[in-house]
Protein backbone atom coordinates (compact mmCIF):
# COMPACT_ATOMS: atom_id res chain seq x y z
CA MET A 1 -0.07 -0.04 -0.05
CA TYR A 2 2.55 2.65 1.34
CA SER A 3 4.95 1.96 -1.15
CA GLN A 4 2.33 2.02 -3.91
CA PHE A 5 1.64 5.80 -3.19
CA PHE A 6 5.49 6.56 -2.16
CA ASN A 7 6.72 5.97 -4.91
CA ASN A 8 9.49 7.91 -7.17
CA GLU A 9 6.58 10.58 -8.91
CA ALA A 10 4.94 10.95 -5.50
CA SER A 11 5.16 14.70 -4.48
CA ALA A 12 1.96 15.41 -5.02
CA ASN A 13 1.29 12.87 -3.04
CA ILE A 14 3.20 14.03 0.06
CA ARG A 15 1.77 17.56 -0.60
CA SER A 16 -1.80 16.20 -0.09
CA LEU A 17 -0.20 14.67 3.33
CA LEU A 18 1.52 18.27 4.27
CA SER A 19 -0.44 20.83 6.14
CA LYS A 20 -0.04 24.36 4.38
CA GLU A 21 1.54 25.80 6.89
CA VAL A 22 4.27 22.71 7.48
CA CYS A 23 4.58 22.28 3.63
CA GLU A 24 4.94 26.63 2.88
CA VAL A 25 8.22 26.16 5.57
CA LEU A 26 9.63 22.90 4.11
CA LEU A 27 9.69 24.36 0.55
CA LYS A 28 11.45 27.51 1.79
CA ILE A 29 13.66 25.44 3.31
CA GLY A 30 14.58 23.47 0.64
CA CYS A 31 14.70 26.60 -1.68
CA PHE A 32 17.32 28.44 1.27
CA ALA A 33 19.26 25.40 0.64
CA ASP A 34 19.44 25.56 -3.03
CA LYS A 35 20.55 29.05 -2.89
CA LYS A 36 23.61 27.85 -0.73
CA SER A 37 24.04 24.81 -2.81
CA LEU A 38 23.17 22.23 0.21
CA ARG A 39 21.47 19.09 0.39
CA VAL A 40 18.60 19.16 3.15
CA PHE A 41 16.19 16.75 4.17
CA ALA A 42 13.05 16.04 6.59
CA VAL A 43 14.33 13.04 8.18
CA GLY A 44 12.94 10.53 11.42
CA GLY A 45 9.97 10.39 12.87
CA PHE A 46 8.44 13.06 11.11
CA VAL A 47 8.84 11.11 7.28
CA ARG A 48 7.42 8.14 9.02
CA ASP A 49 3.79 9.64 10.81
CA LEU A 50 3.75 11.29 7.37
CA ILE A 51 3.53 8.37 5.62
CA LEU A 52 1.28 6.84 8.48
CA ASN A 53 -0.70 10.22 8.10
CA LYS A 54 -0.21 10.72 11.54
CA ALA A 55 0.37 14.17 12.85
CA ASN A 56 3.84 15.65 13.96
CA PHE A 57 4.86 19.02 14.52
CA ASP A 58 8.10 17.95 15.17
CA ILE A 59 10.80 18.26 12.67
CA ASP A 60 13.81 17.15 12.11
CA ILE A 61 15.96 18.38 9.13
CA VAL A 62 19.32 17.23 8.32
CA VAL A 63 21.86 19.18 6.16
CA GLU A 64 24.89 17.88 4.11
CA GLY A 65 26.95 20.18 5.70
CA ASP A 66 27.36 23.17 8.40
CA ALA A 67 23.83 23.23 10.01
CA LYS A 68 25.06 26.46 12.51
CA SER A 69 25.61 28.46 10.02
CA PHE A 70 22.49 27.17 7.78
CA VAL A 71 20.19 27.99 10.87
CA THR A 72 21.66 31.36 11.73
CA GLU A 73 20.98 32.75 8.29
CA LEU A 74 17.66 30.98 7.93
CA ALA A 75 16.43 32.45 11.00
CA SER A 76 17.49 35.73 9.45
CA GLU A 77 15.84 35.21 5.94
CA PHE A 78 12.54 33.78 7.93
CA ASN A 79 12.89 36.46 11.19
CA ALA A 80 12.40 33.49 13.27
CA GLU A 81 14.17 32.78 16.99
CA PHE A 82 16.91 30.29 17.34
CA LYS A 83 19.03 28.77 18.93
CA ILE A 84 22.47 26.86 18.57
CA PHE A 85 24.00 23.85 20.58
CA ASP A 86 27.54 23.43 19.90
CA ARG A 87 28.06 20.76 21.76
CA PHE A 88 26.19 18.77 19.12
CA HIS A 89 26.29 20.82 15.76
CA THR A 90 23.00 21.23 16.09
CA ALA A 91 20.23 24.10 16.11
CA LYS A 92 16.53 24.91 16.98
CA ILE A 93 14.24 27.29 14.59
CA TYR A 94 10.73 28.36 17.16
CA SER A 95 7.62 28.33 15.35
CA GLU A 96 4.39 29.26 16.65
CA LYS A 97 3.20 25.55 16.12
CA ILE A 98 6.14 23.77 14.69
CA ASN A 99 8.82 22.97 16.58
CA PHE A 100 12.10 22.74 13.72
CA ASP A 101 15.43 20.88 14.94
CA PHE A 102 18.26 21.12 12.57
CA SER A 103 21.40 18.47 12.50
CA SER A 104 24.37 18.36 10.12
CA SER A 105 24.78 14.57 8.73
CA ARG A 106 27.02 12.68 10.87
CA LYS A 107 28.20 9.67 11.42
CA GLU A 108 28.11 7.77 14.61
CA THR A 109 30.89 5.08 15.81
CA TYR A 110 30.64 3.30 19.35
CA LYS A 111 33.99 2.69 21.32
CA CYS A 112 32.34 0.28 23.67
CA PRO A 113 28.67 -1.03 24.47
CA GLY A 114 26.07 1.63 25.97
CA ALA A 115 28.73 4.35 25.48
CA LEU A 116 27.28 8.09 24.12
CA PRO A 117 28.66 7.66 20.16
CA GLU A 118 31.34 9.37 18.78
CA VAL A 119 30.31 11.99 15.77
CA THR A 120 31.85 12.87 12.62
CA PHE A 121 30.10 14.93 9.83
CA SER A 122 29.04 12.58 6.92
CA ASN A 123 26.18 12.37 4.31
CA ILE A 124 22.35 11.32 4.34
CA TYR A 125 22.87 7.50 3.66
CA ASP A 126 25.51 7.68 7.19
CA ASP A 127 23.11 9.72 8.91
CA LEU A 128 20.03 7.32 8.61
CA PHE A 129 22.22 4.75 9.00
CA ARG A 130 22.84 5.20 12.48
CA ARG A 131 19.22 5.90 13.68
CA ASP A 132 17.44 3.07 15.82
CA PHE A 133 15.20 1.35 13.03
CA THR A 134 14.28 1.13 9.83
CA ILE A 135 10.86 2.98 10.21
CA ASN A 136 12.79 5.82 11.54
CA ALA A 137 15.48 5.55 8.79
CA MET A 138 13.78 7.47 6.03
CA ALA A 139 14.20 11.05 4.76
CA LEU A 140 12.37 13.48 2.52
CA SER A 141 14.49 15.23 0.27
CA LEU A 142 13.47 19.22 0.54
CA ASN A 143 15.86 20.37 -2.67
CA SER A 144 13.73 21.79 -5.59
CA ASP A 145 15.28 18.93 -8.02
CA ASN A 146 13.90 15.83 -5.68
CA LEU A 147 11.53 17.87 -4.03
CA PHE A 148 9.10 15.59 -1.18
CA LYS A 149 11.05 12.77 -2.75
CA ILE A 150 11.10 9.71 -0.20
CA VAL A 151 14.66 8.22 0.65
CA ASP A 152 14.24 5.22 2.11
CA TYR A 153 17.78 2.87 1.80
CA PHE A 154 16.88 0.57 3.97
CA GLY A 155 13.19 -0.39 3.65
CA GLY A 156 11.42 1.52 5.98
CA ILE A 157 8.58 1.54 3.66
CA LYS A 158 8.42 -2.26 3.71
CA ASP A 159 8.60 -2.56 6.98
CA LEU A 160 5.81 -0.14 8.30
CA GLU A 161 3.71 -2.27 5.37
CA ALA A 162 4.25 -5.67 7.38
CA SER A 163 3.77 -4.14 10.52
CA VAL A 164 7.54 -4.75 12.15
CA ILE A 165 10.21 -3.11 14.09
CA LYS A 166 13.53 -3.80 12.85
CA VAL A 167 16.97 -2.70 13.70
CA MET A 168 19.25 -1.54 11.32
CA HIS A 169 22.27 -3.95 12.11
CA LYS A 170 23.11 -6.82 14.40
CA LYS A 171 25.15 -4.64 16.38
CA SER A 172 22.05 -2.04 17.16
CA PHE A 173 21.17 -3.09 20.55
CA GLU A 174 24.62 -3.52 21.79
CA ASP A 175 25.81 0.00 20.53
CA ASP A 176 22.92 1.43 22.23
CA PRO A 177 20.58 -0.54 24.50
CA THR A 178 18.40 2.43 24.87
CA ARG A 179 16.88 1.07 21.70
CA LEU A 180 15.83 -1.71 23.93
CA TYR A 181 12.97 0.76 25.46
CA ARG A 182 11.89 2.79 22.04
CA ALA A 183 12.14 -1.02 20.41
CA LEU A 184 9.07 -1.32 22.56
CA ARG A 185 7.39 1.60 22.44
CA PHE A 186 7.52 1.81 19.11
CA ALA A 187 6.30 -1.35 18.83
CA HIS A 188 3.50 -0.44 21.14
CA ARG A 189 2.37 2.96 19.80
CA PHE A 190 1.80 1.55 15.82
CA GLY A 191 0.31 -1.74 17.36
CA PHE A 192 3.80 -3.70 15.73
CA LYS A 193 5.69 -6.63 16.04
CA LEU A 194 9.68 -6.93 16.37
CA GLU A 195 10.94 -8.46 13.15
CA GLU A 196 11.97 -11.98 13.87
CA GLU A 197 15.51 -11.38 13.79
CA THR A 198 14.86 -8.18 15.97
CA ASN A 199 13.46 -10.16 18.22
CA TYR A 200 16.28 -12.68 18.41
CA LEU A 201 18.62 -9.62 19.21
CA PHE A 202 16.25 -8.10 21.47
CA LYS A 203 16.24 -11.34 23.65
CA GLN A 204 19.82 -11.91 23.40
CA ALA A 205 21.05 -8.23 24.59
CA ILE A 206 18.38 -8.96 27.60
CA LYS A 207 20.33 -12.23 28.03
CA ASP A 208 23.54 -10.51 28.05
CA LYS A 209 22.34 -7.61 30.37
CA ARG A 210 22.65 -4.95 28.22
CA VAL A 211 20.90 -2.76 30.16
CA SER A 212 23.40 -2.72 32.97
CA SER A 213 25.55 -0.24 30.76
CA LEU A 214 23.25 2.46 30.30
CA SER A 215 23.13 5.31 33.69
CA VAL A 216 19.84 6.01 35.60
CA LYS A 217 19.28 8.89 33.37
CA ARG A 218 19.30 7.43 30.33
CA ILE A 219 16.88 4.69 31.54
CA ALA A 220 14.84 7.45 33.09
CA SER A 221 14.80 9.28 29.68
CA GLU A 222 13.49 6.87 28.35
CA ILE A 223 10.54 5.74 30.95
CA SER A 224 9.54 9.96 30.73
CA LYS A 225 9.06 8.75 26.88
CA ILE A 226 7.02 5.88 27.72
CA PHE A 227 4.82 7.67 30.34
CA LYS A 228 3.83 9.93 27.40
CA GLU A 229 2.08 7.18 25.71
CA ASP A 230 -1.01 6.14 25.52
CA MET A 231 -1.30 3.64 28.20
CA PRO A 232 2.22 3.35 29.41
CA GLU A 233 1.31 0.75 31.97
CA THR A 234 1.32 -2.27 29.15
CA ILE A 235 5.26 -1.10 28.65
CA ILE A 236 5.90 -0.86 31.48
CA GLU A 237 4.81 -4.40 32.30
CA GLU A 238 7.11 -5.46 29.76
CA LEU A 239 10.09 -3.61 31.14
CA THR A 240 9.23 -5.46 34.46
CA LYS A 241 9.11 -8.65 32.21
CA ASN A 242 12.22 -8.23 30.55
CA LYS A 243 14.37 -7.03 34.01
CA MET A 244 14.80 -3.79 31.79
CA LEU A 245 13.86 -1.10 35.26
CA LYS A 246 18.08 -1.27 36.94
CA HIS A 247 18.25 1.45 39.38
CA PHE A 248 14.54 0.85 40.31
CA ALA A 249 12.09 -1.45 41.74
CA HIS A 250 12.21 -4.64 39.56
CA ASN A 251 8.00 -5.92 39.99
CA VAL A 252 6.72 -2.13 39.53
CA ARG A 253 3.04 -2.19 38.02
CA ILE A 254 1.20 0.80 37.20
CA PRO A 255 -2.63 0.08 37.34
CA PRO A 256 -4.96 2.23 33.98
CA LEU A 257 -6.23 4.98 34.64
CA GLU A 258 -9.64 5.88 34.82
CA PRO A 259 -11.22 8.78 34.45
CA LEU A 260 -12.13 10.93 37.06
CA GLY A 261 -14.31 13.36 35.60
CA VAL A 262 -11.83 16.43 36.28
CA GLU A 263 -9.34 15.79 33.33
CA ASP A 264 -11.52 18.24 30.97
CA ILE A 265 -11.20 21.45 33.39
CA LEU A 266 -7.51 20.84 34.65
CA SER A 267 -4.55 20.84 32.59
CA ALA A 268 -2.02 18.51 34.21
CA ASP A 269 1.48 17.28 33.51
CA LEU A 270 0.58 13.45 32.96
CA GLU A 271 4.08 12.41 33.00
CA ALA A 272 4.39 13.51 36.23
CA ILE A 273 1.48 11.94 37.49
CA TYR A 274 3.11 8.43 36.50
CA TRP A 275 6.53 9.45 37.50
CA ILE A 276 4.95 10.61 41.31
CA TYR A 277 3.23 6.73 40.97
CA PHE A 278 6.41 5.58 39.64
CA LEU A 279 8.31 6.22 42.67
CA SER A 280 6.10 6.21 45.24
CA GLN A 281 6.94 2.33 44.52
CA MET A 282 10.82 2.45 45.35
CA PRO A 283 12.41 1.99 48.54
CA PRO A 284 13.03 5.67 50.86
CA THR A 285 16.77 5.72 50.05
CA PHE A 286 15.79 5.51 46.42
CA LYS A 287 13.97 8.96 46.37
CA SER A 288 15.92 10.62 48.30
CA GLU A 289 19.32 9.79 46.55
CA THR A 290 18.42 9.12 43.37
CA ILE A 291 15.72 11.38 41.76
CA ASP A 292 18.00 14.13 41.28
CA GLN A 293 20.22 11.80 38.57
CA LEU A 294 16.91 11.14 36.93
CA GLY A 295 17.09 14.27 34.73
CA LEU A 296 13.67 15.65 34.94
CA PRO A 297 13.25 19.21 33.88
CA HIS A 298 12.69 21.46 36.90
CA SER A 299 8.88 22.08 37.23
CA SER A 300 8.47 18.65 36.61
CA ARG A 301 10.60 17.84 39.53
CA VAL A 302 8.80 20.06 41.69
CA LYS A 303 5.93 18.45 40.64
CA VAL A 304 6.81 15.03 41.34
CA LEU A 305 8.84 15.66 44.98
CA ASP A 306 5.59 17.44 45.73
CA GLY A 307 3.39 14.10 44.80
CA LEU A 308 5.68 12.08 46.99
CA ASP A 309 5.19 14.29 50.27
CA ALA A 310 1.28 14.20 49.66
CA PHE A 311 1.47 10.09 49.02
CA LYS A 312 2.99 10.11 52.68
CA LYS A 313 0.35 13.09 54.42
CA ILE A 314 -2.77 13.07 52.67
CA PRO A 315 -4.13 10.00 52.81
CA ALA A 316 -4.40 9.29 56.70
CA ALA A 317 -5.85 13.11 56.96
CA LEU A 318 -8.72 12.60 54.48
CA GLU A 319 -10.18 9.89 56.58
CA GLU A 320 -10.91 12.46 59.12
CA LEU A 321 -13.06 14.53 56.46
CA THR A 322 -15.81 15.14 54.63
CA CYS A 323 -16.69 16.53 51.30
CA HIS A 324 -18.52 18.75 53.77
CA ASP A 325 -15.36 20.12 55.42
CA HIS A 326 -14.77 22.52 52.92
CA ILE A 327 -12.41 25.09 55.16
CA LYS A 328 -10.28 22.13 56.36
CA LEU A 329 -10.59 20.26 52.82
CA TYR A 330 -9.27 23.62 51.53
CA TYR A 331 -6.75 24.04 53.36
CA LEU A 332 -5.22 20.54 53.44
CA LEU A 333 -5.29 20.37 49.45
CA LYS A 334 -4.10 23.66 48.56
CA LYS A 335 -0.92 23.38 49.43
CA HIS A 336 -0.31 20.62 46.78
CA CYS A 337 -0.04 20.79 43.17
CA ILE A 338 -2.81 19.20 41.02
CA GLU A 339 -0.48 16.24 39.30
CA GLY A 340 0.28 15.26 42.80
CA LEU A 341 -3.45 14.96 43.86
CA LEU A 342 -3.99 13.29 40.48
CA ALA A 343 -1.68 10.49 41.61
CA LEU A 344 -3.47 9.90 44.68
CA SER A 345 -6.82 9.96 43.11
CA TYR A 346 -5.88 7.54 40.28
CA PHE A 347 -3.44 5.11 42.15
CA LYS A 348 -4.12 5.61 46.25
CA LEU A 349 -7.14 5.76 47.50
CA ASN A 350 -10.49 4.21 47.90
CA LYS A 351 -13.48 5.34 46.20
CA THR A 352 -14.55 7.93 48.90
CA ASN A 353 -11.18 9.77 49.35
CA SER A 354 -10.83 10.23 45.87
CA GLU A 355 -13.57 11.68 45.82
CA LYS A 356 -12.97 14.18 48.37
CA ILE A 357 -10.08 15.45 46.26
CA ILE A 358 -12.28 15.32 43.28
CA TYR A 359 -14.84 17.80 44.81
CA TYR A 360 -11.68 20.22 45.97
CA LEU A 361 -10.52 20.24 42.01
CA LYS A 362 -14.27 21.14 40.92
CA ASN A 363 -15.64 23.20 43.88
CA LEU A 364 -12.92 24.63 46.13
CA ARG A 365 -9.59 24.92 44.46
CA LEU A 366 -10.12 28.44 42.75
CA ILE A 367 -11.86 29.73 45.36
CA ALA A 368 -10.44 33.15 46.67
CA PRO A 369 -11.25 36.70 47.32
CA VAL A 370 -12.41 39.05 44.85
CA ILE A 371 -10.08 41.67 46.50
CA ASN A 372 -6.12 41.27 47.13
CA GLY A 373 -3.61 42.47 48.96
CA LYS A 374 -3.24 46.32 46.83
CA ASP A 375 -6.93 46.74 47.06
CA LEU A 376 -6.24 46.64 50.79
CA ILE A 377 -3.02 48.95 51.19
CA ASP A 378 -5.44 51.24 48.89
CA CYS A 379 -7.84 50.93 51.51
CA ASN A 380 -5.35 52.59 54.13
CA ILE A 381 -4.50 49.06 55.53
CA PRO A 382 -0.68 48.99 55.80
CA ALA A 383 1.38 45.56 54.85
CA GLY A 384 1.60 43.36 57.19
CA GLN A 385 0.79 39.54 58.11
CA HIS A 386 -2.79 40.47 59.28
CA ILE A 387 -3.13 41.35 55.27
CA LYS A 388 -3.02 37.64 54.52
CA ASN A 389 -4.99 36.99 57.94
CA ILE A 390 -8.08 39.32 56.49
CA LEU A 391 -7.84 37.41 53.20
CA ASN A 392 -7.89 34.13 54.53
CA TYR A 393 -10.94 34.85 56.71
CA ILE A 394 -12.73 36.28 53.37
CA THR A 395 -12.02 32.78 51.89
CA GLU A 396 -13.37 31.00 54.46
CA LEU A 397 -16.78 33.03 53.68
CA ARG A 398 -16.41 32.20 50.26
CA LEU A 399 -15.47 28.53 51.38
CA GLU A 400 -18.94 28.78 53.32
CA ASN A 401 -20.81 29.69 50.92
CA LYS A 402 -21.27 32.88 51.19
CA SER A 403 -21.67 34.59 48.14
CA LEU A 404 -20.13 38.58 48.25
CA SER A 405 -19.58 41.53 46.16
CA LYS A 406 -16.03 43.69 45.74
CA LEU A 407 -17.42 46.02 47.67
CA GLU A 408 -18.55 43.73 50.62
CA GLU A 409 -15.20 41.98 51.11
CA LEU A 410 -13.53 45.61 51.42
CA GLU A 411 -15.89 46.70 54.19
CA ILE A 412 -15.43 43.34 55.94
CA ALA A 413 -11.65 43.80 55.81
CA LYS A 414 -11.90 47.41 57.00
CA GLN A 415 -13.83 46.40 59.97
CA LEU A 416 -11.40 43.28 60.41
CA TYR A 417 -8.69 45.57 60.48
CA ALA A 418 -10.24 47.88 62.87
CA ASN A 419 -10.87 45.20 65.15
CA ILE A 420 -7.18 44.45 64.95
CA GLN A 421 -6.37 47.51 66.00
CA HIS A 422 -8.74 47.76 68.82
CA LYS A 423 -6.91 44.75 70.84
CA ASN A 424 -3.66 45.67 69.63
CA PRO A 425 -3.54 49.47 69.57
CA SER A 426 -0.05 51.46 69.37
């Protein structure tokens, strides 16, 4: 099916699959490369997903030449923001909806199994050959003389048709054991199976304990990508079965998520939610000694640490409350991030206590006074701890279902401050 559609006359077919915005940008990149006499290609997952007719707005571009200088000039032409990563000879151009990552075509060699590769500049063939699987080793030419022609040296289209994940060569898993994780992730995502020899090489790599050469950070990076997939619990189960969770507990099981009815009103970091539960299953020594090695972004790390704290403190306290205890429920839960509360509801709490958290998230979380500290200062109430106390008192009135206008809140605030002055005359 795919091979008939993406033949040598497939430029029009490709164009029909591209969004207008993506098509226009790729044409501009190709035109600019023509002026510089450079060969340029879209590569990897973008090409795979294009063939599968799946949306992908993370576009990798390979330049047969110096990608850094190419991007510097291209960004000026586009009037776009960009960033150069000197260490990796890569660059990024920032677009409103689309991420473009640029790199020079390169060849990789591995000094020893599991090591990071040594990189030398090369051509598009070597750049595609260094990739993990044939379905990710295709390119789309952007130059005008071969516009939108598929470059498929290694049978990626054929393997897409066969619904198989196939490594590029026999030493693939030995060179880079993180490909073991990616093989399971892509097989799960697309409903594919490992090609026969690839499956043999996978089992041999597990038997030879290739995973043992990987650091916590490299494994955690692969687990983070797994947490972004639909139903990641099935992949985690495969990792457990194949003893691929080195540095982590060996028998972690993640239950499937049951919708809580708040997903559409919250913008939560699902990856952080999975990490909170995943790490809650680890020995305490792991969480204190190793969490900094996971390489999580700072914002995710803060959420995960807060979530782990919530796992310790909230369940017992919730037992003492009902959904009618608005004020106590509010103060117990408001100090914790949404991700920690959702992780508790998904994975830890019984139905009764989970409903208390859902009630808070739906009805109490956003309750706050209309007035703020500036309003109080404008009313000649000086700054100090009493401002926080006044605002908390008004919040509690609202939690008790009192409906107050801004004017009414200001009057209450003035009276409260007058009472404070009366009790503590200067």
